[in-house]
Amino acid sequence: MRMNVSDGKTGNTYQKEVPKEKEALLLGKKIGEKIDGDIIGLAGYKVQITGGSDIAGFPMRNDVPGQKRVKTVLGYGPGVRSLRKGEKRKKLVAGNTIAAATMQVNTKIVEYGTAALDALGFAPKPKGEKKAEEKK
């Protein structure tokens, strides 16, 4: 399971892989809940779950309860691309609870710890690095 951590102070987002033995601590948590950052190495930090996606890439929705995928009629929000005013479509989305099939969890930092993110091994990736790798 991958966890994206967004830092509101700097505007950077960091990706970390959650160790297999700590994935069980995330199971059953819902969007909006606050968890300890110790799960991914952020000692002293608190992060809030803001969303995610399952193993097939379907986005999690806050208004869909449970862990399963559901077809719902949507007009806005995650899982919906631009629609005309008043238009709604039936879309397949994942529920708001983290399950074993959840591949990515999006979070944001709500309480900062004493150590800096750079000291904990969270270094921002330079902007041009990805493009340079693709050209090679």
Protein backbone atom coordinates (compact mmCIF):
# COMPACT_ATOMS: atom_id res chain seq x y z
CA MET A 1 0.00 0.00 0.00
CA ARG A 2 1.29 3.43 -0.91
CA MET A 3 0.66 6.55 1.16
CA ASN A 4 0.78 10.07 -0.27
CA VAL A 5 1.50 12.68 2.41
CA SER A 6 0.75 16.32 1.60
CA ASP A 7 2.56 19.08 3.47
CA GLY A 8 0.40 22.21 3.54
CA LYS A 9 3.23 24.50 4.66
CA THR A 10 5.52 23.84 1.69
CA GLY A 11 3.00 22.53 -0.84
CA ASN A 12 5.04 19.35 -1.39
CA THR A 13 3.66 15.82 -1.52
CA TYR A 14 5.71 12.80 -0.49
CA GLN A 15 5.12 9.15 -1.37
CA LYS A 16 6.02 6.36 1.03
CA GLU A 17 5.36 2.65 0.91
CA VAL A 18 3.61 1.33 4.03
CA PRO A 19 5.40 -1.76 5.43
CA LYS A 20 3.33 -4.97 5.19
CA GLU A 21 3.31 -5.45 8.97
CA LYS A 22 1.81 -1.96 9.51
CA GLU A 23 -0.90 -2.16 6.84
CA ALA A 24 -3.22 -3.81 9.38
CA LEU A 25 -3.20 -0.55 11.40
CA LEU A 26 -4.87 1.24 8.48
CA LEU A 27 -7.58 -1.32 7.73
CA GLY A 28 -11.02 -0.11 8.79
CA LYS A 29 -10.06 3.59 8.95
CA LYS A 30 -12.36 6.02 7.16
CA ILE A 31 -11.82 9.20 5.17
CA GLY A 32 -11.51 12.11 7.62
CA GLU A 33 -9.96 10.11 10.48
CA LYS A 34 -6.65 11.18 11.98
CA ILE A 35 -3.89 8.60 12.41
CA ASP A 36 -0.33 8.57 13.74
CA GLY A 37 2.43 9.26 11.25
CA ASP A 38 4.55 6.54 12.87
CA ILE A 39 3.06 4.09 10.36
CA ILE A 40 5.27 5.53 7.61
CA GLY A 41 8.13 6.98 9.66
CA LEU A 42 6.72 10.38 10.63
CA ALA A 43 7.40 10.18 14.37
CA GLY A 44 5.38 12.76 16.30
CA TYR A 45 3.24 13.73 13.30
CA LYS A 46 -0.52 13.28 12.87
CA VAL A 47 -2.02 12.85 9.40
CA GLN A 48 -5.63 12.95 8.24
CA ILE A 49 -6.95 10.60 5.55
CA THR A 50 -8.35 12.61 2.64
CA GLY A 51 -9.00 9.91 0.05
CA GLY A 52 -7.42 7.15 -1.98
CA SER A 53 -8.02 4.54 -4.62
CA ASP A 54 -8.39 0.78 -4.78
CA ILE A 55 -6.29 -1.79 -6.61
CA ALA A 56 -8.18 -1.23 -9.88
CA GLY A 57 -7.84 2.57 -9.68
CA PHE A 58 -11.39 3.45 -8.63
CA PRO A 59 -11.40 6.49 -6.32
CA MET A 60 -12.68 6.41 -2.75
CA ARG A 61 -15.68 8.62 -2.03
CA ASN A 62 -16.48 10.10 1.36
CA ASP A 63 -20.24 9.73 0.87
CA VAL A 64 -20.16 5.99 0.00
CA PRO A 65 -20.08 3.88 3.18
CA GLY A 66 -18.16 0.62 3.46
CA GLN A 67 -15.23 -1.03 1.74
CA LYS A 68 -16.79 -2.32 -1.47
CA ARG A 69 -17.19 -0.83 -4.93
CA VAL A 70 -20.60 0.63 -5.69
CA LYS A 71 -22.25 2.08 -8.78
CA THR A 72 -23.71 5.41 -7.82
CA VAL A 73 -25.27 8.34 -9.65
CA LEU A 74 -22.83 11.25 -9.38
CA GLY A 75 -22.77 14.82 -10.57
CA TYR A 76 -19.55 16.10 -8.97
CA GLY A 77 -16.49 15.13 -6.94
CA PRO A 78 -13.99 12.27 -7.13
CA GLY A 79 -14.62 9.84 -9.97
CA VAL A 80 -16.51 12.37 -12.13
CA ARG A 81 -15.02 14.33 -14.99
CA SER A 82 -16.51 17.54 -16.32
CA LEU A 83 -20.24 17.34 -16.91
CA ARG A 84 -22.78 19.83 -18.12
CA LYS A 85 -24.76 21.74 -15.55
CA GLY A 86 -27.31 19.43 -13.93
CA GLU A 87 -25.98 16.32 -15.68
CA LYS A 88 -25.37 13.16 -13.65
CA ARG A 89 -23.78 9.85 -14.55
CA LYS A 90 -23.66 6.40 -13.05
CA LYS A 91 -20.07 5.66 -11.96
CA LEU A 92 -18.26 2.87 -10.14
CA VAL A 93 -16.45 4.14 -7.02
CA ALA A 94 -14.92 2.64 -3.88
CA GLY A 95 -16.30 3.17 -0.38
CA ASN A 96 -14.87 5.48 2.28
CA THR A 97 -13.22 2.75 4.40
CA ILE A 98 -9.70 1.42 3.82
CA ALA A 99 -9.73 -2.28 2.89
CA ALA A 100 -7.16 -4.86 1.84
CA ALA A 101 -7.93 -3.93 -1.79
CA THR A 102 -6.96 -0.28 -1.23
CA MET A 103 -3.78 0.49 -3.14
CA GLN A 104 -3.23 4.18 -2.36
CA VAL A 105 -4.16 6.36 0.59
CA ASN A 106 -4.00 10.16 0.35
CA THR A 107 -3.29 12.08 3.56
CA LYS A 108 -2.41 15.55 4.76
CA ILE A 109 -0.36 16.60 7.78
CA VAL A 110 -2.52 18.15 10.52
CA GLU A 111 -0.05 18.11 13.45
CA TYR A 112 3.68 18.59 12.98
CA GLY A 113 6.31 16.80 15.04
CA THR A 114 9.56 18.13 16.47
CA ALA A 115 11.83 16.73 13.73
CA ALA A 116 11.89 18.28 10.27
CA LEU A 117 10.65 16.27 7.31
CA ASP A 118 14.11 16.36 5.69
CA ALA A 119 15.64 14.79 8.81
CA LEU A 120 13.10 11.95 8.65
CA GLY A 121 14.05 11.10 5.06
CA PHE A 122 11.25 12.94 3.28
CA ALA A 123 13.09 14.93 0.63
CA PRO A 124 11.14 16.61 -2.18
CA LYS A 125 11.84 15.32 -5.67
CA PRO A 126 13.24 18.03 -7.98
CA LYS A 127 10.69 19.19 -10.56
CA GLY A 128 12.75 18.38 -13.68
CA GLU A 129 13.92 14.94 -12.54
CA LYS A 130 11.01 12.97 -14.00
CA LYS A 131 11.32 14.52 -17.45
CA ALA A 132 15.08 13.91 -17.53
CA GLU A 133 14.52 10.21 -16.70
CA GLU A 134 11.94 9.82 -19.50
CA LYS A 135 14.31 11.22 -22.14
CA LYS A 136 17.00 8.63 -21.37
